[in-house]
């Protein structure tokens, strides 16, 4: 991403993480995700499965230059777009 994550505000940081999640979902699902709200359920509404969820995390890692510990993943973090954004933000150190 072109934004320097360390210099954006907390609201701005969340927007950066939301954009990264939407971009990763767009790549994995091969569809436009720009209008997804944070309440959208990843598995139930979007049809993600465990393989596509891992693929999505890899895209987010590349996008934000972060590393996720897949052994420590909690499925609750993947309930909705918003919960995933919160997980990404916490793992990215904000």
Protein backbone atom coordinates (compact mmCIF):
# COMPACT_ATOMS: atom_id res chain seq x y z
CA UNK A 1 0.00 0.00 0.00
CA UNK A 2 1.13 3.54 -0.56
CA UNK A 3 0.08 4.80 2.88
CA UNK A 4 2.67 4.77 5.64
CA UNK A 5 0.74 2.91 8.31
CA UNK A 6 2.86 4.36 11.13
CA UNK A 7 1.78 7.92 10.34
CA UNK A 8 -1.96 7.57 9.93
CA UNK A 9 -4.46 8.18 12.69
CA UNK A 10 -6.30 5.37 14.48
CA UNK A 11 -9.32 5.95 12.24
CA UNK A 12 -6.99 6.13 9.28
CA UNK A 13 -5.27 2.93 10.35
CA UNK A 14 -8.59 1.10 10.48
CA UNK A 15 -9.37 2.40 6.99
CA UNK A 16 -6.01 1.09 5.76
CA UNK A 17 -6.70 -2.34 7.26
CA UNK A 18 -10.26 -2.39 5.91
CA UNK A 19 -8.96 -1.53 2.44
CA UNK A 20 -6.39 -4.34 2.69
CA UNK A 21 -9.07 -6.84 3.75
CA UNK A 22 -11.38 -5.74 0.93
CA UNK A 23 -8.54 -6.00 -1.60
CA UNK A 24 -7.59 -9.47 -0.37
CA UNK A 25 -11.21 -10.60 -0.54
CA UNK A 26 -11.52 -9.19 -4.05
CA UNK A 27 -8.48 -11.17 -5.17
CA UNK A 28 -9.55 -14.40 -3.51
CA UNK A 29 -13.21 -14.19 -4.51
CA UNK A 30 -12.60 -12.61 -7.93
CA UNK A 31 -15.31 -10.01 -7.42
CA UNK A 32 -15.81 -6.39 -6.41
CA UNK A 33 -15.74 -5.98 -2.64
CA UNK A 34 -15.56 -2.19 -2.39
CA UNK A 35 -19.06 -1.95 -0.96
CA UNK A 36 -18.68 -4.66 1.71
CA UNK A 37 -19.61 -3.47 5.19
CA UNK A 38 -17.91 -4.64 8.35
CA UNK A 39 -21.02 -6.65 9.27
CA UNK A 40 -20.69 -9.02 6.28
CA UNK A 41 -19.97 -12.58 7.43
CA UNK A 42 -16.95 -14.08 5.71
CA UNK A 43 -18.04 -17.71 5.63
CA UNK A 44 -21.84 -17.44 5.61
CA UNK A 45 -22.31 -14.41 3.35
CA UNK A 46 -19.22 -14.57 1.14
CA UNK A 47 -18.73 -18.32 0.98
CA UNK A 48 -15.14 -18.37 2.20
CA UNK A 49 -13.72 -21.72 3.24
CA UNK A 50 -10.56 -22.51 5.21
CA UNK A 51 -8.37 -22.60 2.08
CA UNK A 52 -9.62 -19.28 0.77
CA UNK A 53 -9.27 -17.75 4.25
CA UNK A 54 -5.59 -18.73 4.34
CA UNK A 55 -5.10 -17.43 0.81
CA UNK A 56 -6.69 -14.16 1.91
CA UNK A 57 -4.29 -13.89 4.86
CA UNK A 58 -1.33 -14.37 2.53
CA UNK A 59 -2.57 -11.52 0.34
CA UNK A 60 -3.00 -9.30 3.42
CA UNK A 61 0.50 -10.21 4.62
CA UNK A 62 1.93 -9.15 1.27
CA UNK A 63 -0.18 -6.01 1.13
CA UNK A 64 0.70 -4.78 4.63
CA UNK A 65 4.10 -6.43 5.09
CA UNK A 66 3.00 -8.26 8.25
CA UNK A 67 3.17 -11.91 9.31
CA UNK A 68 0.31 -13.87 10.88
CA UNK A 69 0.77 -16.91 13.11
CA UNK A 70 -1.58 -19.40 11.45
CA UNK A 71 -1.20 -21.79 14.39
CA UNK A 72 -2.75 -19.22 16.71
CA UNK A 73 -5.73 -18.28 14.54
CA UNK A 74 -9.11 -18.03 16.26
CA UNK A 75 -12.13 -18.61 14.05
CA UNK A 76 -13.91 -15.79 15.88
CA UNK A 77 -11.52 -13.41 14.15
CA UNK A 78 -13.04 -14.53 10.85
CA UNK A 79 -16.69 -14.07 11.76
CA UNK A 80 -17.15 -10.80 9.88
CA UNK A 81 -15.19 -8.33 7.80
CA UNK A 82 -15.03 -6.11 10.91
CA UNK A 83 -13.66 -8.84 13.17
CA UNK A 84 -11.01 -9.63 10.58
CA UNK A 85 -10.07 -5.96 10.34
CA UNK A 86 -9.70 -5.86 14.14
CA UNK A 87 -7.51 -9.00 14.02
CA UNK A 88 -5.32 -7.55 11.28
CA UNK A 89 -4.98 -4.29 13.21
CA UNK A 90 -3.96 -6.10 16.40
CA UNK A 91 -1.46 -8.30 14.57
CA UNK A 92 -0.01 -5.33 12.70
CA UNK A 93 0.81 -3.77 16.08
CA UNK A 94 -1.62 -0.89 16.26
